[in-house]
Structures are given as C-alpha cells and as structure tokens.
Amino acid sequence: SILTFPVLLAMGVPPLPANVTNSVGLTPIVIGT
C-alpha cells in the first residue's frame, strides 16, 4: 500500500477514496501469493 496509495493521491484521488480503492485493487495479491 505504501507504493500504490501515493500513486492514487498523485492522480488527484482524495485520501479516503484512494484508501478504499487501493485496498480493493491489492486484494488479488492473496491469490498470487
């Protein structure tokens, strides 16, 4: 999240939407790992 959350912020997404969007987007990591 430390890597992707700032990218969303840099694209102009407010912190709360960025946080939930980031959490949803990183969920598939569990499948790969």
Full PDB file with SEQRES, HELIX, SHEET, SSBOND, CRYST1, ORIGX, SCALE, CONECT and MASTER records, all heavy atoms in Angstrom:
SEQRES   1 A   33  SER ILE LEU THR PHE PRO VAL LEU LEU ALA MET GLY VAL          
SEQRES   2 A   33  PRO PRO LEU PRO ALA ASN VAL THR ASN SER VAL GLY LEU          
SEQRES   3 A   33  THR PRO ILE VAL ILE GLY THR                                  
HELIX    1 AA1 THR A    4  ALA A   10  1                                   7    
HELIX    2 AA2 PRO A   15  LEU A   26  1                                  12    
HELIX    3 AA3 ILE A   29  GLY A   32  1                                   4    
CRYST1    1.000    1.000    1.000  90.00  90.00  90.00 P 1           1          
ORIGX1      1.000000  0.000000  0.000000        0.00000                         
ORIGX2      0.000000  1.000000  0.000000        0.00000                         
ORIGX3      0.000000  0.000000  1.000000        0.00000                         
SCALE1      1.000000  0.000000  0.000000        0.00000                         
SCALE2      0.000000  1.000000  0.000000        0.00000                         
SCALE3      0.000000  0.000000  1.000000        0.00000                         
ATOM      1  N   SER A   1       0.815  -1.209   0.000  1.00  0.00           N  
ATOM      2  CA  SER A   1       0.000   0.000   0.000  1.00  0.00           C  
ATOM      3  C   SER A   1       0.852   1.265   0.000  1.00  0.00           C  
ATOM      4  O   SER A   1       0.431   2.314  -0.502  1.00  0.00           O  
ATOM      5  CB  SER A   1      -0.925   0.028   1.223  1.00  0.00           C  
ATOM      6  OG  SER A   1      -1.903  -0.984   1.131  1.00  0.00           O  
ATOM      7  N   ILE A   2       2.042   1.185   0.579  1.00  0.00           N  
ATOM      8  CA  ILE A   2       2.915   2.349   0.605  1.00  0.00           C  
ATOM      9  C   ILE A   2       3.322   2.745  -0.808  1.00  0.00           C  
ATOM     10  O   ILE A   2       3.609   3.907  -1.085  1.00  0.00           O  
ATOM     11  CB  ILE A   2       4.164   2.070   1.476  1.00  0.00           C  
ATOM     12  CG1 ILE A   2       3.737   1.774   2.915  1.00  0.00           C  
ATOM     13  CG2 ILE A   2       5.116   3.254   1.465  1.00  0.00           C  
ATOM     14  CD1 ILE A   2       4.876   1.379   3.824  1.00  0.00           C  
ATOM     15  N   LEU A   3       3.318   1.787  -1.718  1.00  0.00           N  
ATOM     16  CA  LEU A   3       3.705   2.064  -3.099  1.00  0.00           C  
ATOM     17  C   LEU A   3       2.537   2.553  -3.944  1.00  0.00           C  
ATOM     18  O   LEU A   3       2.696   3.457  -4.766  1.00  0.00           O  
ATOM     19  CB  LEU A   3       4.315   0.804  -3.728  1.00  0.00           C  
ATOM     20  CG  LEU A   3       5.642   0.340  -3.125  1.00  0.00           C  
ATOM     21  CD1 LEU A   3       6.006  -1.039  -3.644  1.00  0.00           C  
ATOM     22  CD2 LEU A   3       6.751   1.332  -3.453  1.00  0.00           C  
ATOM     23  N   THR A   4       1.363   1.967  -3.771  1.00  0.00           N  
ATOM     24  CA  THR A   4       0.235   2.298  -4.648  1.00  0.00           C  
ATOM     25  C   THR A   4      -0.612   3.458  -4.132  1.00  0.00           C  
ATOM     26  O   THR A   4      -1.155   4.230  -4.925  1.00  0.00           O  
ATOM     27  CB  THR A   4      -0.659   1.064  -4.856  1.00  0.00           C  
ATOM     28  OG1 THR A   4      -0.932   0.463  -3.579  1.00  0.00           O  
ATOM     29  CG2 THR A   4       0.017   0.046  -5.750  1.00  0.00           C  
ATOM     30  N   PHE A   5      -0.749   3.593  -2.830  1.00  0.00           N  
ATOM     31  CA  PHE A   5      -1.550   4.675  -2.262  1.00  0.00           C  
ATOM     32  C   PHE A   5      -1.059   6.053  -2.712  1.00  0.00           C  
ATOM     33  O   PHE A   5      -1.864   6.896  -3.139  1.00  0.00           O  
ATOM     34  CB  PHE A   5      -1.558   4.549  -0.733  1.00  0.00           C  
ATOM     35  CG  PHE A   5      -2.406   5.562  -0.019  1.00  0.00           C  
ATOM     36  CD1 PHE A   5      -3.787   5.538  -0.133  1.00  0.00           C  
ATOM     37  CD2 PHE A   5      -1.830   6.538   0.775  1.00  0.00           C  
ATOM     38  CE1 PHE A   5      -4.582   6.469   0.531  1.00  0.00           C  
ATOM     39  CE2 PHE A   5      -2.606   7.473   1.446  1.00  0.00           C  
ATOM     40  CZ  PHE A   5      -3.983   7.433   1.315  1.00  0.00           C  
ATOM     41  N   PRO A   6       0.249   6.334  -2.659  1.00  0.00           N  
ATOM     42  CA  PRO A   6       0.721   7.641  -3.127  1.00  0.00           C  
ATOM     43  C   PRO A   6       0.458   7.880  -4.617  1.00  0.00           C  
ATOM     44  O   PRO A   6       0.270   9.031  -5.029  1.00  0.00           O  
ATOM     45  CB  PRO A   6       2.234   7.601  -2.841  1.00  0.00           C  
ATOM     46  CG  PRO A   6       2.395   6.581  -1.784  1.00  0.00           C  
ATOM     47  CD  PRO A   6       1.341   5.552  -2.063  1.00  0.00           C  
ATOM     48  N   VAL A   7       0.464   6.819  -5.416  1.00  0.00           N  
ATOM     49  CA  VAL A   7       0.193   6.985  -6.846  1.00  0.00           C  
ATOM     50  C   VAL A   7      -1.232   7.491  -7.046  1.00  0.00           C  
ATOM     51  O   VAL A   7      -1.485   8.392  -7.855  1.00  0.00           O  
ATOM     52  CB  VAL A   7       0.412   5.652  -7.600  1.00  0.00           C  
ATOM     53  CG1 VAL A   7      -0.003   5.795  -9.065  1.00  0.00           C  
ATOM     54  CG2 VAL A   7       1.873   5.226  -7.510  1.00  0.00           C  
ATOM     55  N   LEU A   8      -2.177   6.927  -6.311  1.00  0.00           N  
ATOM     56  CA  LEU A   8      -3.567   7.376  -6.398  1.00  0.00           C  
ATOM     57  C   LEU A   8      -3.706   8.822  -5.924  1.00  0.00           C  
ATOM     58  O   LEU A   8      -4.427   9.619  -6.533  1.00  0.00           O  
ATOM     59  CB  LEU A   8      -4.470   6.463  -5.566  1.00  0.00           C  
ATOM     60  CG  LEU A   8      -4.656   5.042  -6.118  1.00  0.00           C  
ATOM     61  CD1 LEU A   8      -5.300   4.142  -5.071  1.00  0.00           C  
ATOM     62  CD2 LEU A   8      -5.502   5.064  -7.384  1.00  0.00           C  
ATOM     63  N   LEU A   9      -3.003   9.171  -4.857  1.00  0.00           N  
ATOM     64  CA  LEU A   9      -3.043  10.548  -4.381  1.00  0.00           C  
ATOM     65  C   LEU A   9      -2.481  11.501  -5.436  1.00  0.00           C  
ATOM     66  O   LEU A   9      -3.027  12.591  -5.660  1.00  0.00           O  
ATOM     67  CB  LEU A   9      -2.237  10.686  -3.082  1.00  0.00           C  
ATOM     68  CG  LEU A   9      -2.766   9.963  -1.844  1.00  0.00           C  
ATOM     69  CD1 LEU A   9      -1.815  10.174  -0.663  1.00  0.00           C  
ATOM     70  CD2 LEU A   9      -4.167  10.446  -1.481  1.00  0.00           C  
ATOM     71  N   ALA A  10      -1.394  11.092  -6.092  1.00  0.00           N  
ATOM     72  CA  ALA A  10      -0.782  11.934  -7.122  1.00  0.00           C  
ATOM     73  C   ALA A  10      -1.704  12.139  -8.315  1.00  0.00           C  
ATOM     74  O   ALA A  10      -1.592  13.139  -9.035  1.00  0.00           O  
ATOM     75  CB  ALA A  10       0.536  11.315  -7.581  1.00  0.00           C  
ATOM     76  N   MET A  11      -2.621  11.205  -8.532  1.00  0.00           N  
ATOM     77  CA  MET A  11      -3.585  11.325  -9.634  1.00  0.00           C  
ATOM     78  C   MET A  11      -4.803  12.147  -9.244  1.00  0.00           C  
ATOM     79  O   MET A  11      -5.766  12.247 -10.006  1.00  0.00           O  
ATOM     80  CB  MET A  11      -4.016   9.928 -10.099  1.00  0.00           C  
ATOM     81  CG  MET A  11      -2.912   9.156 -10.790  1.00  0.00           C  
ATOM     82  SD  MET A  11      -3.453   7.503 -11.320  1.00  0.00           S  
ATOM     83  CE  MET A  11      -1.949   6.925 -12.137  1.00  0.00           C  
ATOM     84  N   GLY A  12      -4.774  12.716  -8.034  1.00  0.00           N  
ATOM     85  CA  GLY A  12      -5.850  13.589  -7.610  1.00  0.00           C  
ATOM     86  C   GLY A  12      -6.984  12.921  -6.877  1.00  0.00           C  
ATOM     87  O   GLY A  12      -8.013  13.559  -6.618  1.00  0.00           O  
ATOM     88  N   VAL A  13      -6.834  11.663  -6.515  1.00  0.00           N  
ATOM     89  CA  VAL A  13      -7.896  10.964  -5.770  1.00  0.00           C  
ATOM     90  C   VAL A  13      -7.794  11.374  -4.300  1.00  0.00           C  
ATOM     91  O   VAL A  13      -6.720  11.274  -3.703  1.00  0.00           O  
ATOM     92  CB  VAL A  13      -7.754   9.436  -5.908  1.00  0.00           C  
ATOM     93  CG1 VAL A  13      -8.893   8.733  -5.181  1.00  0.00           C  
ATOM     94  CG2 VAL A  13      -7.717   9.032  -7.371  1.00  0.00           C  
ATOM     95  N   PRO A  14      -8.870  11.828  -3.674  1.00  0.00           N  
ATOM     96  CA  PRO A  14      -8.836  12.204  -2.250  1.00  0.00           C  
ATOM     97  C   PRO A  14      -8.438  11.014  -1.376  1.00  0.00           C  
ATOM     98  O   PRO A  14      -8.629   9.848  -1.768  1.00  0.00           O  
ATOM     99  CB  PRO A  14     -10.278  12.647  -1.963  1.00  0.00           C  
ATOM    100  CG  PRO A  14     -10.821  13.040  -3.306  1.00  0.00           C  
ATOM    101  CD  PRO A  14     -10.181  12.103  -4.285  1.00  0.00           C  
ATOM    102  N   PRO A  15      -7.891  11.279  -0.181  1.00  0.00           N  
ATOM    103  CA  PRO A  15      -7.356  10.195   0.658  1.00  0.00           C  
ATOM    104  C   PRO A  15      -8.312   9.051   0.947  1.00  0.00           C  
ATOM    105  O   PRO A  15      -7.929   7.884   0.851  1.00  0.00           O  
ATOM    106  CB  PRO A  15      -6.955  10.925   1.945  1.00  0.00           C  
ATOM    107  CG  PRO A  15      -6.600  12.291   1.484  1.00  0.00           C  
ATOM    108  CD  PRO A  15      -7.576  12.602   0.383  1.00  0.00           C  
ATOM    109  N   LEU A  16      -9.573   9.336   1.328  1.00  0.00           N  
ATOM    110  CA  LEU A  16     -10.478   8.240   1.672  1.00  0.00           C  
ATOM    111  C   LEU A  16     -10.815   7.379   0.455  1.00  0.00           C  
ATOM    112  O   LEU A  16     -10.671   6.144   0.518  1.00  0.00           O  
ATOM    113  CB  LEU A  16     -11.755   8.781   2.319  1.00  0.00           C  
ATOM    114  CG  LEU A  16     -12.785   7.722   2.729  1.00  0.00           C  
ATOM    115  CD1 LEU A  16     -12.170   6.709   3.684  1.00  0.00           C  
ATOM    116  CD2 LEU A  16     -14.012   8.378   3.370  1.00  0.00           C  
ATOM    117  N   PRO A  17     -11.245   7.943  -0.680  1.00  0.00           N  
ATOM    118  CA  PRO A  17     -11.459   7.103  -1.869  1.00  0.00           C  
ATOM    119  C   PRO A  17     -10.184   6.392  -2.315  1.00  0.00           C  
ATOM    120  O   PRO A  17     -10.240   5.252  -2.793  1.00  0.00           O  
ATOM    121  CB  PRO A  17     -11.938   8.099  -2.931  1.00  0.00           C  
ATOM    122  CG  PRO A  17     -12.539   9.215  -2.163  1.00  0.00           C  
ATOM    123  CD  PRO A  17     -11.701   9.321  -0.915  1.00  0.00           C  
ATOM    124  N   ALA A  18      -9.038   7.062  -2.165  1.00  0.00           N  
ATOM    125  CA  ALA A  18      -7.771   6.424  -2.542  1.00  0.00           C  
ATOM    126  C   ALA A  18      -7.495   5.214  -1.667  1.00  0.00           C  
ATOM    127  O   ALA A  18      -7.021   4.176  -2.145  1.00  0.00           O  
ATOM    128  CB  ALA A  18      -6.618   7.433  -2.426  1.00  0.00           C  
ATOM    129  N   ASN A  19      -7.803   5.322  -0.369  1.00  0.00           N  
ATOM    130  CA  ASN A  19      -7.554   4.221   0.556  1.00  0.00           C  
ATOM    131  C   ASN A  19      -8.405   3.007   0.224  1.00  0.00           C  
ATOM    132  O   ASN A  19      -7.902   1.879   0.143  1.00  0.00           O  
ATOM    133  CB  ASN A  19      -7.831   4.684   1.985  1.00  0.00           C  
ATOM    134  CG  ASN A  19      -7.490   3.627   3.018  1.00  0.00           C  
ATOM    135  OD1 ASN A  19      -6.452   2.975   2.950  1.00  0.00           O  
ATOM    136  ND2 ASN A  19      -8.379   3.437   3.971  1.00  0.00           N  
ATOM    137  N   VAL A  20      -9.710   3.212   0.000  1.00  0.00           N  
ATOM    138  CA  VAL A  20     -10.579   2.074  -0.280  1.00  0.00           C  
ATOM    139  C   VAL A  20     -10.305   1.504  -1.674  1.00  0.00           C  
ATOM    140  O   VAL A  20     -10.358   0.279  -1.872  1.00  0.00           O  
ATOM    141  CB  VAL A  20     -12.066   2.443  -0.110  1.00  0.00           C  
ATOM    142  CG1 VAL A  20     -12.357   2.807   1.339  1.00  0.00           C  
ATOM    143  CG2 VAL A  20     -12.480   3.584  -1.033  1.00  0.00           C  
ATOM    144  N   THR A  21     -10.003   2.370  -2.631  1.00  0.00           N  
ATOM    145  CA  THR A  21      -9.657   1.897  -3.975  1.00  0.00           C  
ATOM    146  C   THR A  21      -8.382   1.076  -3.939  1.00  0.00           C  
ATOM    147  O   THR A  21      -8.270   0.021  -4.584  1.00  0.00           O  
ATOM    148  CB  THR A  21      -9.473   3.091  -4.936  1.00  0.00           C  
ATOM    149  OG1 THR A  21     -10.707   3.822  -5.014  1.00  0.00           O  
ATOM    150  CG2 THR A  21      -9.068   2.633  -6.327  1.00  0.00           C  
ATOM    151  N   ASN A  22      -7.429   1.538  -3.162  1.00  0.00           N  
ATOM    152  CA  ASN A  22      -6.162   0.838  -3.018  1.00  0.00           C  
ATOM    153  C   ASN A  22      -6.362  -0.537  -2.388  1.00  0.00           C  
ATOM    154  O   ASN A  22      -5.808  -1.537  -2.852  1.00  0.00           O  
ATOM    155  CB  ASN A  22      -5.227   1.685  -2.156  1.00  0.00           C  
ATOM    156  CG  ASN A  22      -3.804   1.188  -2.172  1.00  0.00           C  
ATOM    157  OD1 ASN A  22      -3.226   0.969  -3.222  1.00  0.00           O  
ATOM    158  ND2 ASN A  22      -3.223   1.011  -0.998  1.00  0.00           N  
ATOM    159  N   SER A  23      -7.177  -0.598  -1.337  1.00  0.00           N  
ATOM    160  CA  SER A  23      -7.437  -1.870  -0.667  1.00  0.00           C  
ATOM    161  C   SER A  23      -8.083  -2.875  -1.609  1.00  0.00           C  
ATOM    162  O   SER A  23      -7.706  -4.050  -1.655  1.00  0.00           O  
ATOM    163  CB  SER A  23      -8.352  -1.654   0.548  1.00  0.00           C  
ATOM    164  OG  SER A  23      -7.717  -0.860   1.523  1.00  0.00           O  
ATOM    165  N   VAL A  24      -9.059  -2.411  -2.390  1.00  0.00           N  
ATOM    166  CA  VAL A  24      -9.739  -3.296  -3.334  1.00  0.00           C  
ATOM    167  C   VAL A  24      -8.773  -3.763  -4.417  1.00  0.00           C  
ATOM    168  O   VAL A  24      -8.729  -4.951  -4.775  1.00  0.00           O  
ATOM    169  CB  VAL A  24     -10.944  -2.574  -3.972  1.00  0.00           C  
ATOM    170  CG1 VAL A  24     -11.532  -3.403  -5.108  1.00  0.00           C  
ATOM    171  CG2 VAL A  24     -12.011  -2.294  -2.918  1.00  0.00           C  
ATOM    172  N   GLY A  25      -7.969  -2.854  -4.931  1.00  0.00           N  
ATOM    173  CA  GLY A  25      -7.055  -3.202  -6.015  1.00  0.00           C  
ATOM    174  C   GLY A  25      -5.969  -4.186  -5.623  1.00  0.00           C  
ATOM    175  O   GLY A  25      -5.509  -4.978  -6.452  1.00  0.00           O  
ATOM    176  N   LEU A  26      -5.561  -4.154  -4.358  1.00  0.00           N  
ATOM    177  CA  LEU A  26      -4.479  -5.038  -3.911  1.00  0.00           C  
ATOM    178  C   LEU A  26      -4.966  -6.400  -3.429  1.00  0.00           C  
ATOM    179  O   LEU A  26      -4.161  -7.273  -3.121  1.00  0.00           O  
ATOM    180  CB  LEU A  26      -3.682  -4.351  -2.793  1.00  0.00           C  
ATOM    181  CG  LEU A  26      -2.885  -3.114  -3.206  1.00  0.00           C  
ATOM    182  CD1 LEU A  26      -2.240  -2.465  -1.990  1.00  0.00           C  
ATOM    183  CD2 LEU A  26      -1.825  -3.455  -4.243  1.00  0.00           C  
ATOM    184  N   THR A  27      -6.271  -6.586  -3.366  1.00  0.00           N  
ATOM    185  CA  THR A  27      -6.821  -7.853  -2.882  1.00  0.00           C  
ATOM    186  C   THR A  27      -6.325  -9.075  -3.651  1.00  0.00           C  
ATOM    187  O   THR A  27      -6.045 -10.123  -3.042  1.00  0.00           O  
ATOM    188  CB  THR A  27      -8.360  -7.810  -2.910  1.00  0.00           C  
ATOM    189  OG1 THR A  27      -8.803  -6.778  -2.018  1.00  0.00           O  
ATOM    190  CG2 THR A  27      -8.955  -9.133  -2.472  1.00  0.00           C  
ATOM    191  N   PRO A  28      -6.183  -9.025  -4.991  1.00  0.00           N  
ATOM    192  CA  PRO A  28      -5.735 -10.229  -5.713  1.00  0.00           C  
ATOM    193  C   PRO A  28      -4.345 -10.723  -5.346  1.00  0.00           C  
ATOM    194  O   PRO A  28      -3.967 -11.825  -5.750  1.00  0.00           O  
ATOM    195  CB  PRO A  28      -5.768  -9.776  -7.181  1.00  0.00           C  
ATOM    196  CG  PRO A  28      -6.788  -8.696  -7.224  1.00  0.00           C  
ATOM    197  CD  PRO A  28      -6.612  -7.964  -5.927  1.00  0.00           C  
ATOM    198  N   ILE A  29      -3.582  -9.929  -4.594  1.00  0.00           N  
ATOM    199  CA  ILE A  29      -2.255 -10.395  -4.173  1.00  0.00           C  
ATOM    200  C   ILE A  29      -2.361 -11.735  -3.465  1.00  0.00           C  
ATOM    201  O   ILE A  29      -1.500 -12.607  -3.606  1.00  0.00           O  
ATOM    202  CB  ILE A  29      -1.574  -9.354  -3.259  1.00  0.00           C  
ATOM    203  CG1 ILE A  29      -1.183  -8.112  -4.065  1.00  0.00           C  
ATOM    204  CG2 ILE A  29      -0.325  -9.941  -2.599  1.00  0.00           C  
ATOM    205  CD1 ILE A  29      -0.576  -7.002  -3.217  1.00  0.00           C  
ATOM    206  N   VAL A  30      -3.444 -11.923  -2.680  1.00  0.00           N  
ATOM    207  CA  VAL A  30      -3.576 -13.161  -1.908  1.00  0.00           C  
ATOM    208  C   VAL A  30      -3.634 -14.374  -2.830  1.00  0.00           C  
ATOM    209  O   VAL A  30      -3.132 -15.455  -2.481  1.00  0.00           O  
ATOM    210  CB  VAL A  30      -4.828 -13.109  -0.997  1.00  0.00           C  
ATOM    211  CG1 VAL A  30      -6.107 -13.084  -1.807  1.00  0.00           C  
ATOM    212  CG2 VAL A  30      -4.835 -14.276  -0.028  1.00  0.00           C  
ATOM    213  N   ILE A  31      -4.223 -14.218  -4.015  1.00  0.00           N  
ATOM    214  CA  ILE A  31      -4.308 -15.343  -4.943  1.00  0.00           C  
ATOM    215  C   ILE A  31      -2.928 -15.715  -5.443  1.00  0.00           C  
ATOM    216  O   ILE A  31      -2.512 -16.883  -5.420  1.00  0.00           O  
ATOM    217  CB  ILE A  31      -5.238 -14.995  -6.122  1.00  0.00           C  
ATOM    218  CG1 ILE A  31      -6.647 -14.652  -5.607  1.00  0.00           C  
ATOM    219  CG2 ILE A  31      -5.293 -16.156  -7.114  1.00  0.00           C  
ATOM    220  CD1 ILE A  31      -7.571 -14.139  -6.678  1.00  0.00           C  
ATOM    221  N   GLY A  32      -2.199 -14.702  -5.905  1.00  0.00           N  
ATOM    222  CA  GLY A  32      -0.863 -14.966  -6.440  1.00  0.00           C  
ATOM    223  C   GLY A  32       0.094 -15.514  -5.399  1.00  0.00           C  
ATOM    224  O   GLY A  32       0.845 -16.459  -5.662  1.00  0.00           O  
ATOM    225  N   THR A  33       0.050 -14.939  -4.194  1.00  0.00           N  
ATOM    226  CA  THR A  33       0.978 -15.404  -3.160  1.00  0.00           C  
ATOM    227  C   THR A  33       0.627 -16.797  -2.658  1.00  0.00           C  
ATOM    228  O   THR A  33       1.511 -17.602  -2.350  1.00  0.00           O  
ATOM    229  CB  THR A  33       1.002 -14.419  -1.980  1.00  0.00           C  
ATOM    230  OG1 THR A  33      -0.339 -14.198  -1.517  1.00  0.00           O  
ATOM    231  CG2 THR A  33       1.605 -13.086  -2.388  1.00  0.00           C  
TER     232      THR A  33                                                      
MASTER        0    0    0    3    0    0    0    6  231    1    0    3          
END                                                                             
